[in-house]
Amino acid sequence: MSNSSSSMTQFLLLAFADRRELQLLHFWLFLAISLAALLANGLILSAVACDHHLHTPMGFFLLNLSLTDLGCICTTVPKAMHNSLWDTTTISYTGCAAQLFFFYFFITAEYFLLTIMCYDRYVAICKPLHYGTLLGSRACAHMAAAAWVTGFLYSLLHTASIFSLPLCQGNALGQFFCEIPAILKLSCSHSGYLREIGFIGVSVCLVFGCFVFIVFSYVQIFRAVLRIPSQQGRHKAFSTCLPHLAVVSIFVSTSFFSHLKPPSISSPSLDLVVSVLYSVVPPALNPLIYSLRNQELKDGLRTIMSGCFSATISSVLSSVQHLKCNS
């Protein structure tokens, strides 16, 4: 294969293991994660869409968050499962560009949605009298649209920049999916490399600014919660907020480490663990932490599941009765 990116037709992804048994284990593990994420997010989408009690700002943001979670999982995990199942490591040049674009599109939109949801909790707890004004339907729609548009522009900018670089360091990415640092290592253009590093630097400042805002908001939330006289109320608020902050912290720290770590401490196994922590774990955990701890959402899910169960039983009984009549 030529060392020019213009003639490059495929990349080589990093395999999770060399032994066939471990490859199949990774396949079944990722299959379980993806099915659980699809089921959980599908239930959340159905509950928010069908239950009018969930037509609230938080319900609206949860619906958008579920869409980004599904997008993140469906962008990276299926290809990793395919490679583990069929014992291959290749991905086409076009497929790699598409995977990089959609992954950064969904993951960026998700991070901004998490920031918006933190703002929602801050207003609900610290400024409850202004909640209806600050988070009206139009304001929520504008904030969600801003998150999606920002994710799209950010991803388009990085994808166009990274795939315009000449690549002359082979085609082995050293990662289980196409991400910016892995492709950047293959570049032989000093000016293009510095340009992309500049983009990453601006992105890091933006992400860090959002993280500071999230931490500041939660500090204010915790101060307000500590003034709640009921111990049960304080426990409920802390048990809801702390997991949120933990997931955001894992996402930000691992993504920072993945994109900014020095080459001297880089290793295939470390890169693999870090990339899974920020690309697979948060989207898989979000339905549990952000949604299933919401009592209104739990009630909505029970209503939908009980309705489906009742409809299934009625259909079965109707079929049995019809068979009896025919006989």
C-alpha atoms as a PDB file:
ATOM      1  CA  MET A   1       0.000   0.000   0.000  1.00  0.00           C
ATOM      2  CA  SER A   2       1.188   3.480  -0.822  1.00  0.00           C
ATOM      3  CA  ASN A   3       2.140   5.784   1.992  1.00  0.00           C
ATOM      4  CA  SER A   4      -0.043   8.519   0.531  1.00  0.00           C
ATOM      5  CA  SER A   5      -3.444   9.089   2.055  1.00  0.00           C
ATOM      6  CA  SER A   6      -4.885   9.580  -1.441  1.00  0.00           C
ATOM      7  CA  SER A   7      -4.250   5.924  -2.258  1.00  0.00           C
ATOM      8  CA  MET A   8      -5.122   4.531   1.182  1.00  0.00           C
ATOM      9  CA  THR A   9      -8.218   2.350   1.021  1.00  0.00           C
ATOM     10  CA  GLN A  10      -8.414   0.973   4.556  1.00  0.00           C
ATOM     11  CA  PHE A  11      -7.113   1.235   8.108  1.00  0.00           C
ATOM     12  CA  LEU A  12      -6.170  -1.474  10.560  1.00  0.00           C
ATOM     13  CA  LEU A  13      -7.928  -1.293  13.921  1.00  0.00           C
ATOM     14  CA  LEU A  14      -6.563  -2.648  17.174  1.00  0.00           C
ATOM     15  CA  ALA A  15      -7.799  -6.116  18.080  1.00  0.00           C
ATOM     16  CA  PHE A  16      -9.026  -6.673  21.624  1.00  0.00           C
ATOM     17  CA  ALA A  17      -7.126  -9.953  21.882  1.00  0.00           C
ATOM     18  CA  ASP A  18      -5.061 -12.396  19.837  1.00  0.00           C
ATOM     19  CA  ARG A  19      -6.659 -15.556  21.196  1.00  0.00           C
ATOM     20  CA  ARG A  20      -9.867 -16.644  19.514  1.00  0.00           C
ATOM     21  CA  GLU A  21     -11.586 -17.408  22.819  1.00  0.00           C
ATOM     22  CA  LEU A  22     -10.986 -13.881  24.110  1.00  0.00           C
ATOM     23  CA  GLN A  23     -12.179 -12.367  20.833  1.00  0.00           C
ATOM     24  CA  LEU A  24     -15.468 -14.232  21.156  1.00  0.00           C
ATOM     25  CA  LEU A  25     -15.693 -13.160  24.793  1.00  0.00           C
ATOM     26  CA  HIS A  26     -15.342  -9.523  23.715  1.00  0.00           C
ATOM     27  CA  PHE A  27     -18.015 -10.079  21.076  1.00  0.00           C
ATOM     28  CA  TRP A  28     -20.541 -11.422  23.593  1.00  0.00           C
ATOM     29  CA  LEU A  29     -19.658  -8.707  26.122  1.00  0.00           C
ATOM     30  CA  PHE A  30     -20.179  -5.920  23.575  1.00  0.00           C
ATOM     31  CA  LEU A  31     -23.353  -7.619  22.348  1.00  0.00           C
ATOM     32  CA  ALA A  32     -24.758  -7.607  25.896  1.00  0.00           C
ATOM     33  CA  ILE A  33     -23.787  -3.944  26.373  1.00  0.00           C
ATOM     34  CA  SER A  34     -25.314  -2.856  23.074  1.00  0.00           C
ATOM     35  CA  LEU A  35     -28.555  -4.806  23.615  1.00  0.00           C
ATOM     36  CA  ALA A  36     -28.911  -3.416  27.139  1.00  0.00           C
ATOM     37  CA  ALA A  37     -28.296   0.122  25.864  1.00  0.00           C
ATOM     38  CA  LEU A  38     -30.754  -0.315  22.991  1.00  0.00           C
ATOM     39  CA  LEU A  39     -33.439  -1.723  25.311  1.00  0.00           C
ATOM     40  CA  ALA A  40     -32.978   0.887  28.057  1.00  0.00           C
ATOM     41  CA  ASN A  41     -32.835   3.866  25.705  1.00  0.00           C
ATOM     42  CA  GLY A  42     -35.704   2.503  23.633  1.00  0.00           C
ATOM     43  CA  LEU A  43     -37.863   2.248  26.745  1.00  0.00           C
ATOM     44  CA  ILE A  44     -36.921   5.788  27.752  1.00  0.00           C
ATOM     45  CA  LEU A  45     -37.790   7.161  24.318  1.00  0.00           C
ATOM     46  CA  SER A  46     -41.139   5.355  24.388  1.00  0.00           C
ATOM     47  CA  ALA A  47     -41.956   6.485  27.919  1.00  0.00           C
ATOM     48  CA  VAL A  48     -41.116  10.152  27.289  1.00  0.00           C
ATOM     49  CA  ALA A  49     -42.980  10.191  23.965  1.00  0.00           C
ATOM     50  CA  CYS A  50     -46.132   8.440  25.240  1.00  0.00           C
ATOM     51  CA  ASP A  51     -46.534   9.667  28.826  1.00  0.00           C
ATOM     52  CA  HIS A  52     -47.724  13.290  29.051  1.00  0.00           C
ATOM     53  CA  HIS A  53     -46.459  13.447  32.650  1.00  0.00           C
ATOM     54  CA  LEU A  54     -42.917  13.283  31.214  1.00  0.00           C
ATOM     55  CA  HIS A  55     -43.453  16.200  28.831  1.00  0.00           C
ATOM     56  CA  THR A  56     -41.211  18.358  31.035  1.00  0.00           C
ATOM     57  CA  PRO A  57     -37.845  20.045  30.411  1.00  0.00           C
ATOM     58  CA  MET A  58     -35.987  17.150  32.053  1.00  0.00           C
ATOM     59  CA  GLY A  59     -38.024  14.618  30.062  1.00  0.00           C
ATOM     60  CA  PHE A  60     -37.232  16.494  26.851  1.00  0.00           C
ATOM     61  CA  PHE A  61     -33.510  16.508  27.631  1.00  0.00           C
ATOM     62  CA  LEU A  62     -33.610  12.816  28.594  1.00  0.00           C
ATOM     63  CA  LEU A  63     -35.141  12.037  25.203  1.00  0.00           C
ATOM     64  CA  ASN A  64     -32.308  13.877  23.458  1.00  0.00           C
ATOM     65  CA  LEU A  65     -29.719  12.225  25.696  1.00  0.00           C
ATOM     66  CA  SER A  66     -31.096   8.772  24.827  1.00  0.00           C
ATOM     67  CA  LEU A  67     -30.728   9.574  21.128  1.00  0.00           C
ATOM     68  CA  THR A  68     -27.071  10.533  21.600  1.00  0.00           C
ATOM     69  CA  ASP A  69     -26.447   7.418  23.707  1.00  0.00           C
ATOM     70  CA  LEU A  70     -27.886   5.231  20.951  1.00  0.00           C
ATOM     71  CA  GLY A  71     -25.797   7.070  18.382  1.00  0.00           C
ATOM     72  CA  CYS A  72     -22.545   6.614  20.350  1.00  0.00           C
ATOM     73  CA  ILE A  73     -23.137   2.912  20.937  1.00  0.00           C
ATOM     74  CA  CYS A  74     -24.226   2.205  17.345  1.00  0.00           C
ATOM     75  CA  THR A  75     -21.244   4.084  15.887  1.00  0.00           C
ATOM     76  CA  THR A  76     -18.395   2.199  17.581  1.00  0.00           C
ATOM     77  CA  VAL A  77     -19.634  -1.075  19.073  1.00  0.00           C
ATOM     78  CA  PRO A  78     -21.067  -2.882  15.984  1.00  0.00           C
ATOM     79  CA  LYS A  79     -17.789  -2.621  14.046  1.00  0.00           C
ATOM     80  CA  ALA A  80     -15.822  -3.831  17.081  1.00  0.00           C
ATOM     81  CA  MET A  81     -18.236  -6.770  17.403  1.00  0.00           C
ATOM     82  CA  HIS A  82     -17.901  -7.576  13.700  1.00  0.00           C
ATOM     83  CA  ASN A  83     -14.102  -7.574  13.881  1.00  0.00           C
ATOM     84  CA  SER A  84     -14.046  -9.762  16.997  1.00  0.00           C
ATOM     85  CA  LEU A  85     -16.528 -12.241  15.530  1.00  0.00           C
ATOM     86  CA  TRP A  86     -14.866 -12.577  12.133  1.00  0.00           C
ATOM     87  CA  ASP A  87     -11.273 -12.229  13.376  1.00  0.00           C
ATOM     88  CA  THR A  88     -10.472  -9.184  11.260  1.00  0.00           C
ATOM     89  CA  THR A  89      -9.172  -5.697  11.998  1.00  0.00           C
ATOM     90  CA  THR A  90      -9.863  -3.715   8.829  1.00  0.00           C
ATOM     91  CA  ILE A  91     -12.103  -0.713   8.243  1.00  0.00           C
ATOM     92  CA  SER A  92     -12.429   1.130   4.939  1.00  0.00           C
ATOM     93  CA  TYR A  93     -11.143   4.686   4.507  1.00  0.00           C
ATOM     94  CA  THR A  94     -14.692   5.961   3.942  1.00  0.00           C
ATOM     95  CA  GLY A  95     -16.021   3.883   6.832  1.00  0.00           C
ATOM     96  CA  CYS A  96     -13.361   5.304   9.125  1.00  0.00           C
ATOM     97  CA  ALA A  97     -14.242   8.876   8.126  1.00  0.00           C
ATOM     98  CA  ALA A  98     -17.949   8.192   8.703  1.00  0.00           C
ATOM     99  CA  GLN A  99     -17.282   6.539  12.064  1.00  0.00           C
ATOM    100  CA  LEU A 100     -15.126   9.425  13.253  1.00  0.00           C
ATOM    101  CA  PHE A 101     -17.663  12.015  12.128  1.00  0.00           C
ATOM    102  CA  PHE A 102     -20.693  10.364  13.744  1.00  0.00           C
ATOM    103  CA  PHE A 103     -18.867   9.433  16.951  1.00  0.00           C
ATOM    104  CA  TYR A 104     -17.663  12.975  17.615  1.00  0.00           C
ATOM    105  CA  PHE A 105     -21.043  14.348  16.520  1.00  0.00           C
ATOM    106  CA  PHE A 106     -22.955  12.257  19.059  1.00  0.00           C
ATOM    107  CA  ILE A 107     -20.387  12.423  21.884  1.00  0.00           C
ATOM    108  CA  THR A 108     -20.088  16.228  21.604  1.00  0.00           C
ATOM    109  CA  ALA A 109     -23.860  16.717  21.533  1.00  0.00           C
ATOM    110  CA  GLU A 110     -24.129  14.380  24.543  1.00  0.00           C
ATOM    111  CA  TYR A 111     -21.605  16.330  26.584  1.00  0.00           C
ATOM    112  CA  PHE A 112     -23.407  19.618  25.959  1.00  0.00           C
ATOM    113  CA  LEU A 113     -26.726  17.960  26.798  1.00  0.00           C
ATOM    114  CA  LEU A 114     -25.242  16.767  30.097  1.00  0.00           C
ATOM    115  CA  THR A 115     -24.181  20.346  30.791  1.00  0.00           C
ATOM    116  CA  ILE A 116     -27.691  21.596  30.005  1.00  0.00           C
ATOM    117  CA  MET A 117     -29.233  18.921  32.246  1.00  0.00           C
ATOM    118  CA  CYS A 118     -26.962  20.040  35.052  1.00  0.00           C
ATOM    119  CA  TYR A 119     -28.227  23.590  34.526  1.00  0.00           C
ATOM    120  CA  ASP A 120     -31.781  22.230  34.661  1.00  0.00           C
ATOM    121  CA  ARG A 121     -31.119  20.641  38.070  1.00  0.00           C
ATOM    122  CA  TYR A 122     -29.420  23.813  39.300  1.00  0.00           C
ATOM    123  CA  VAL A 123     -32.411  25.973  38.397  1.00  0.00           C
ATOM    124  CA  ALA A 124     -34.907  23.424  39.769  1.00  0.00           C
ATOM    125  CA  ILE A 125     -33.182  23.214  43.159  1.00  0.00           C
ATOM    126  CA  CYS A 126     -31.569  26.620  43.619  1.00  0.00           C
ATOM    127  CA  LYS A 127     -33.996  28.890  41.713  1.00  0.00           C
ATOM    128  CA  PRO A 128     -37.325  27.017  41.735  1.00  0.00           C
ATOM    129  CA  LEU A 129     -39.419  30.185  41.411  1.00  0.00           C
ATOM    130  CA  HIS A 130     -37.711  31.031  38.094  1.00  0.00           C
ATOM    131  CA  TYR A 131     -37.842  27.490  36.676  1.00  0.00           C
ATOM    132  CA  GLY A 132     -40.808  28.091  34.370  1.00  0.00           C
ATOM    133  CA  THR A 133     -39.251  31.289  33.008  1.00  0.00           C
ATOM    134  CA  LEU A 134     -35.684  30.074  32.509  1.00  0.00           C
ATOM    135  CA  LEU A 135     -36.638  26.653  31.161  1.00  0.00           C
ATOM    136  CA  GLY A 136     -39.731  27.246  29.074  1.00  0.00           C
ATOM    137  CA  SER A 137     -40.465  25.099  26.050  1.00  0.00           C
ATOM    138  CA  ARG A 138     -38.838  27.538  23.628  1.00  0.00           C
ATOM    139  CA  ALA A 139     -35.708  27.892  25.770  1.00  0.00           C
ATOM    140  CA  CYS A 140     -35.385  24.097  26.053  1.00  0.00           C
ATOM    141  CA  ALA A 141     -35.781  23.666  22.297  1.00  0.00           C
ATOM    142  CA  HIS A 142     -33.125  26.326  21.643  1.00  0.00           C
ATOM    143  CA  MET A 143     -30.658  24.752  24.092  1.00  0.00           C
ATOM    144  CA  ALA A 144     -31.139  21.249  22.686  1.00  0.00           C
ATOM    145  CA  ALA A 145     -30.800  22.545  19.116  1.00  0.00           C
ATOM    146  CA  ALA A 146     -27.615  24.386  20.107  1.00  0.00           C
ATOM    147  CA  ALA A 147     -26.158  21.134  21.498  1.00  0.00           C
ATOM    148  CA  TRP A 148     -26.928  19.219  18.268  1.00  0.00           C
ATOM    149  CA  VAL A 149     -25.689  21.987  15.971  1.00  0.00           C
ATOM    150  CA  THR A 150     -22.495  22.425  18.005  1.00  0.00           C
ATOM    151  CA  GLY A 151     -21.848  18.683  17.834  1.00  0.00           C
ATOM    152  CA  PHE A 152     -22.407  18.676  14.071  1.00  0.00           C
ATOM    153  CA  LEU A 153     -20.112  21.655  13.390  1.00  0.00           C
ATOM    154  CA  TYR A 154     -17.419  20.383  15.770  1.00  0.00           C
ATOM    155  CA  SER A 155     -17.435  16.948  14.163  1.00  0.00           C
ATOM    156  CA  LEU A 156     -17.493  18.325  10.621  1.00  0.00           C
ATOM    157  CA  LEU A 157     -14.561  20.635  11.370  1.00  0.00           C
ATOM    158  CA  HIS A 158     -12.399  17.874  12.855  1.00  0.00           C
ATOM    159  CA  THR A 159     -13.311  15.277  10.233  1.00  0.00           C
ATOM    160  CA  ALA A 160     -12.511  17.643   7.353  1.00  0.00           C
ATOM    161  CA  SER A 161      -9.266  18.706   9.029  1.00  0.00           C
ATOM    162  CA  ILE A 162      -8.002  15.253   9.971  1.00  0.00           C
ATOM    163  CA  PHE A 163      -8.782  13.594   6.629  1.00  0.00           C
ATOM    164  CA  SER A 164      -7.176  16.431   4.653  1.00  0.00           C
ATOM    165  CA  LEU A 165      -3.805  15.556   6.208  1.00  0.00           C
ATOM    166  CA  PRO A 166      -1.344  13.463   4.208  1.00  0.00           C
ATOM    167  CA  LEU A 167      -0.839  10.139   5.982  1.00  0.00           C
ATOM    168  CA  CYS A 168       2.523   8.486   5.551  1.00  0.00           C
ATOM    169  CA  GLN A 169       3.065   6.483   8.769  1.00  0.00           C
ATOM    170  CA  GLY A 170       1.269   3.335   7.649  1.00  0.00           C
ATOM    171  CA  ASN A 171      -2.388   2.507   8.249  1.00  0.00           C
ATOM    172  CA  ALA A 172      -2.386   0.854  11.703  1.00  0.00           C
ATOM    173  CA  LEU A 173      -4.462   3.030  14.044  1.00  0.00           C
ATOM    174  CA  GLY A 174      -3.676   1.344  17.347  1.00  0.00           C
ATOM    175  CA  GLN A 175      -7.267   1.829  18.501  1.00  0.00           C
ATOM    176  CA  PHE A 176     -10.468  -0.235  18.275  1.00  0.00           C
ATOM    177  CA  PHE A 177     -12.316   2.577  16.484  1.00  0.00           C
ATOM    178  CA  CYS A 178     -11.379   5.638  14.424  1.00  0.00           C
ATOM    179  CA  GLU A 179     -10.540   8.543  16.703  1.00  0.00           C
ATOM    180  CA  ILE A 180      -8.598  11.748  16.150  1.00  0.00           C
ATOM    181  CA  PRO A 181      -5.367  10.998  18.121  1.00  0.00           C
ATOM    182  CA  ALA A 182      -4.944   7.605  16.422  1.00  0.00           C
ATOM    183  CA  ILE A 183      -5.207   9.070  12.911  1.00  0.00           C
ATOM    184  CA  LEU A 184      -3.140  12.117  13.832  1.00  0.00           C
ATOM    185  CA  LYS A 185      -0.186   9.822  14.639  1.00  0.00           C
ATOM    186  CA  LEU A 186      -0.129   8.730  10.982  1.00  0.00           C
ATOM    187  CA  SER A 187       0.232  12.273   9.645  1.00  0.00           C
ATOM    188  CA  CYS A 188       3.438  13.516   8.039  1.00  0.00           C
ATOM    189  CA  SER A 189       2.347  17.158   7.656  1.00  0.00           C
ATOM    190  CA  HIS A 190       3.831  19.369  10.355  1.00  0.00           C
ATOM    191  CA  SER A 191       1.590  22.359   9.601  1.00  0.00           C
ATOM    192  CA  GLY A 192      -1.546  20.203   9.380  1.00  0.00           C
ATOM    193  CA  TYR A 193      -0.579  18.467  12.610  1.00  0.00           C
ATOM    194  CA  LEU A 194      -0.209  21.808  14.415  1.00  0.00           C
ATOM    195  CA  ARG A 195      -3.533  22.995  12.983  1.00  0.00           C
ATOM    196  CA  GLU A 196      -5.358  19.953  14.338  1.00  0.00           C
ATOM    197  CA  ILE A 197      -3.566  20.286  17.683  1.00  0.00           C
ATOM    198  CA  GLY A 198      -4.839  23.878  17.799  1.00  0.00           C
ATOM    199  CA  PHE A 199      -8.395  22.654  17.175  1.00  0.00           C
ATOM    200  CA  ILE A 200      -7.999  20.090  19.947  1.00  0.00           C
ATOM    201  CA  GLY A 201      -6.653  22.784  22.289  1.00  0.00           C
ATOM    202  CA  VAL A 202      -9.691  24.999  21.692  1.00  0.00           C
ATOM    203  CA  SER A 203     -11.947  21.965  22.207  1.00  0.00           C
ATOM    204  CA  VAL A 204     -10.225  21.125  25.489  1.00  0.00           C
ATOM    205  CA  CYS A 205     -10.739  24.669  26.764  1.00  0.00           C
ATOM    206  CA  LEU A 206     -14.426  24.508  25.822  1.00  0.00           C
ATOM    207  CA  VAL A 207     -14.925  21.095  27.449  1.00  0.00           C
ATOM    208  CA  PHE A 208     -13.051  22.176  30.562  1.00  0.00           C
ATOM    209  CA  GLY A 209     -15.165  25.342  30.774  1.00  0.00           C
ATOM    210  CA  CYS A 210     -18.333  23.239  30.669  1.00  0.00           C
ATOM    211  CA  PHE A 211     -16.896  20.929  33.318  1.00  0.00           C
ATOM    212  CA  VAL A 212     -16.118  23.893  35.598  1.00  0.00           C
ATOM    213  CA  PHE A 213     -19.698  25.074  35.105  1.00  0.00           C
ATOM    214  CA  ILE A 214     -20.993  21.587  36.006  1.00  0.00           C
ATOM    215  CA  VAL A 215     -18.859  21.427  39.159  1.00  0.00           C
ATOM    216  CA  PHE A 216     -19.865  24.960  40.192  1.00  0.00           C
ATOM    217  CA  SER A 217     -23.542  24.130  39.641  1.00  0.00           C
ATOM    218  CA  TYR A 218     -23.287  20.978  41.740  1.00  0.00           C
ATOM    219  CA  VAL A 219     -21.518  22.864  44.514  1.00  0.00           C
ATOM    220  CA  GLN A 220     -24.461  25.269  44.600  1.00  0.00           C
ATOM    221  CA  ILE A 221     -26.883  22.339  44.472  1.00  0.00           C
ATOM    222  CA  PHE A 222     -25.140  20.580  47.380  1.00  0.00           C
ATOM    223  CA  ARG A 223     -25.176  23.787  49.429  1.00  0.00           C
ATOM    224  CA  ALA A 224     -28.908  24.076  48.833  1.00  0.00           C
ATOM    225  CA  VAL A 225     -29.463  20.390  49.600  1.00  0.00           C
ATOM    226  CA  LEU A 226     -27.618  20.651  52.919  1.00  0.00           C
ATOM    227  CA  ARG A 227     -30.185  23.231  54.011  1.00  0.00           C
ATOM    228  CA  ILE A 228     -33.007  20.731  53.500  1.00  0.00           C
ATOM    229  CA  PRO A 229     -34.271  19.791  56.995  1.00  0.00           C
ATOM    230  CA  SER A 230     -35.366  16.296  55.973  1.00  0.00           C
ATOM    231  CA  GLN A 231     -32.598  13.686  56.041  1.00  0.00           C
ATOM    232  CA  GLN A 232     -34.534  11.618  53.522  1.00  0.00           C
ATOM    233  CA  GLY A 233     -34.701  14.605  51.171  1.00  0.00           C
ATOM    234  CA  ARG A 234     -30.956  15.190  51.461  1.00  0.00           C
ATOM    235  CA  HIS A 235     -30.232  11.515  50.829  1.00  0.00           C
ATOM    236  CA  LYS A 236     -32.449  11.493  47.733  1.00  0.00           C
ATOM    237  CA  ALA A 237     -30.811  14.605  46.295  1.00  0.00           C
ATOM    238  CA  PHE A 238     -27.258  13.336  46.955  1.00  0.00           C
ATOM    239  CA  SER A 239     -27.992   9.863  45.584  1.00  0.00           C
ATOM    240  CA  THR A 240     -29.246  11.484  42.371  1.00  0.00           C
ATOM    241  CA  CYS A 241     -26.560  14.150  41.912  1.00  0.00           C
ATOM    242  CA  LEU A 242     -23.401  12.247  42.887  1.00  0.00           C
ATOM    243  CA  PRO A 243     -23.747   9.530  40.193  1.00  0.00           C
ATOM    244  CA  HIS A 244     -24.338  12.265  37.596  1.00  0.00           C
ATOM    245  CA  LEU A 245     -21.139  14.005  38.630  1.00  0.00           C
ATOM    246  CA  ALA A 246     -19.231  10.709  38.706  1.00  0.00           C
ATOM    247  CA  VAL A 247     -20.170   9.799  35.114  1.00  0.00           C
ATOM    248  CA  VAL A 248     -19.318  13.274  33.817  1.00  0.00           C
ATOM    249  CA  SER A 249     -15.977  13.135  35.661  1.00  0.00           C
ATOM    250  CA  ILE A 250     -15.116   9.738  34.153  1.00  0.00           C
ATOM    251  CA  PHE A 251     -16.058  10.958  30.685  1.00  0.00           C
ATOM    252  CA  VAL A 252     -14.064  14.201  30.901  1.00  0.00           C
ATOM    253  CA  SER A 253     -10.964  12.727  32.578  1.00  0.00           C
ATOM    254  CA  THR A 254     -10.659   9.749  30.224  1.00  0.00           C
ATOM    255  CA  SER A 255     -11.309  11.810  27.073  1.00  0.00           C
ATOM    256  CA  PHE A 256      -8.736  14.379  28.216  1.00  0.00           C
ATOM    257  CA  PHE A 257      -6.236  11.630  28.901  1.00  0.00           C
ATOM    258  CA  SER A 258      -6.910   9.952  25.556  1.00  0.00           C
ATOM    259  CA  HIS A 259      -6.406  13.140  23.542  1.00  0.00           C
ATOM    260  CA  LEU A 260      -3.650  14.840  25.581  1.00  0.00           C
ATOM    261  CA  LYS A 261      -1.512  12.041  27.028  1.00  0.00           C
ATOM    262  CA  PRO A 262       2.190  12.179  26.109  1.00  0.00           C
ATOM    263  CA  PRO A 263       3.437   9.472  23.705  1.00  0.00           C
ATOM    264  CA  SER A 264       5.908   8.235  26.339  1.00  0.00           C
ATOM    265  CA  ILE A 265       3.132   6.678  28.459  1.00  0.00           C
ATOM    266  CA  SER A 266       1.075   5.382  25.561  1.00  0.00           C
ATOM    267  CA  SER A 267       0.536   1.632  25.175  1.00  0.00           C
ATOM    268  CA  PRO A 268      -2.036  -0.413  23.220  1.00  0.00           C
ATOM    269  CA  SER A 269      -3.666  -1.903  26.326  1.00  0.00           C
ATOM    270  CA  LEU A 270      -3.860   1.468  28.120  1.00  0.00           C
ATOM    271  CA  ASP A 271      -5.253   3.190  25.028  1.00  0.00           C
ATOM    272  CA  LEU A 272      -7.868   0.454  24.684  1.00  0.00           C
ATOM    273  CA  VAL A 273      -9.050   0.719  28.300  1.00  0.00           C
ATOM    274  CA  VAL A 274      -9.196   4.531  28.222  1.00  0.00           C
ATOM    275  CA  SER A 275     -11.105   4.619  24.941  1.00  0.00           C
ATOM    276  CA  VAL A 276     -13.690   2.130  26.217  1.00  0.00           C
ATOM    277  CA  LEU A 277     -14.112   4.200  29.393  1.00  0.00           C
ATOM    278  CA  TYR A 278     -15.034   7.369  27.520  1.00  0.00           C
ATOM    279  CA  SER A 279     -16.706   5.991  24.385  1.00  0.00           C
ATOM    280  CA  VAL A 280     -18.738   2.999  25.646  1.00  0.00           C
ATOM    281  CA  VAL A 281     -19.173   3.204  29.418  1.00  0.00           C
ATOM    282  CA  PRO A 282     -20.925   6.629  29.768  1.00  0.00           C
ATOM    283  CA  PRO A 283     -23.520   5.976  27.014  1.00  0.00           C
ATOM    284  CA  ALA A 284     -24.198   2.555  28.534  1.00  0.00           C
ATOM    285  CA  LEU A 285     -24.575   3.897  32.092  1.00  0.00           C
ATOM    286  CA  ASN A 286     -26.552   7.063  31.291  1.00  0.00           C
ATOM    287  CA  PRO A 287     -29.942   5.313  31.051  1.00  0.00           C
ATOM    288  CA  LEU A 288     -29.419   3.833  34.514  1.00  0.00           C
ATOM    289  CA  ILE A 289     -28.027   6.912  36.235  1.00  0.00           C
ATOM    290  CA  TYR A 290     -29.855   9.774  34.534  1.00  0.00           C
ATOM    291  CA  SER A 291     -33.149   8.128  33.771  1.00  0.00           C
ATOM    292  CA  LEU A 292     -34.026   5.044  35.777  1.00  0.00           C
ATOM    293  CA  ARG A 293     -33.401   6.935  39.032  1.00  0.00           C
ATOM    294  CA  ASN A 294     -36.186   9.325  38.031  1.00  0.00           C
ATOM    295  CA  GLN A 295     -39.407   8.293  39.800  1.00  0.00           C
ATOM    296  CA  GLU A 296     -41.688   9.831  37.168  1.00  0.00           C
ATOM    297  CA  LEU A 297     -39.837   7.958  34.445  1.00  0.00           C
ATOM    298  CA  LYS A 298     -40.072   4.727  36.421  1.00  0.00           C
ATOM    299  CA  ASP A 299     -43.834   5.203  36.659  1.00  0.00           C
ATOM    300  CA  GLY A 300     -44.021   5.884  32.934  1.00  0.00           C
ATOM    301  CA  LEU A 301     -42.023   2.740  32.150  1.00  0.00           C
ATOM    302  CA  ARG A 302     -44.286   0.664  34.424  1.00  0.00           C
ATOM    303  CA  THR A 303     -47.342   2.042  32.636  1.00  0.00           C
ATOM    304  CA  ILE A 304     -45.945   1.198  29.208  1.00  0.00           C
ATOM    305  CA  MET A 305     -44.775  -2.283  30.215  1.00  0.00           C
ATOM    306  CA  SER A 306     -48.040  -3.104  31.970  1.00  0.00           C
ATOM    307  CA  GLY A 307     -49.953  -1.857  28.940  1.00  0.00           C
ATOM    308  CA  CYS A 308     -47.875  -4.028  26.605  1.00  0.00           C
ATOM    309  CA  PHE A 309     -48.315  -7.010  28.928  1.00  0.00           C
ATOM    310  CA  SER A 310     -52.082  -6.506  29.116  1.00  0.00           C
ATOM    311  CA  ALA A 311     -52.315  -6.153  25.331  1.00  0.00           C
ATOM    312  CA  THR A 312     -50.288  -9.342  24.860  1.00  0.00           C
ATOM    313  CA  ILE A 313     -52.473 -11.310  27.289  1.00  0.00           C
ATOM    314  CA  SER A 314     -55.632 -10.000  25.617  1.00  0.00           C
ATOM    315  CA  SER A 315     -54.301 -10.981  22.209  1.00  0.00           C
ATOM    316  CA  VAL A 316     -53.399 -14.484  23.392  1.00  0.00           C
ATOM    317  CA  LEU A 317     -56.812 -14.992  25.048  1.00  0.00           C
ATOM    318  CA  SER A 318     -58.554 -13.713  21.930  1.00  0.00           C
ATOM    319  CA  SER A 319     -56.579 -16.121  19.761  1.00  0.00           C
ATOM    320  CA  VAL A 320     -57.387 -19.042  22.059  1.00  0.00           C
ATOM    321  CA  GLN A 321     -61.085 -18.149  22.052  1.00  0.00           C
ATOM    322  CA  HIS A 322     -61.063 -17.887  18.260  1.00  0.00           C
ATOM    323  CA  LEU A 323     -59.455 -21.327  17.956  1.00  0.00           C
ATOM    324  CA  LYS A 324     -62.079 -22.807  20.290  1.00  0.00           C
ATOM    325  CA  CYS A 325     -64.892 -21.307  18.224  1.00  0.00           C
ATOM    326  CA  ASN A 326     -63.432 -22.702  15.013  1.00  0.00           C
ATOM    327  CA  SER A 327     -63.053 -26.130  16.525  1.00  0.00           C
END
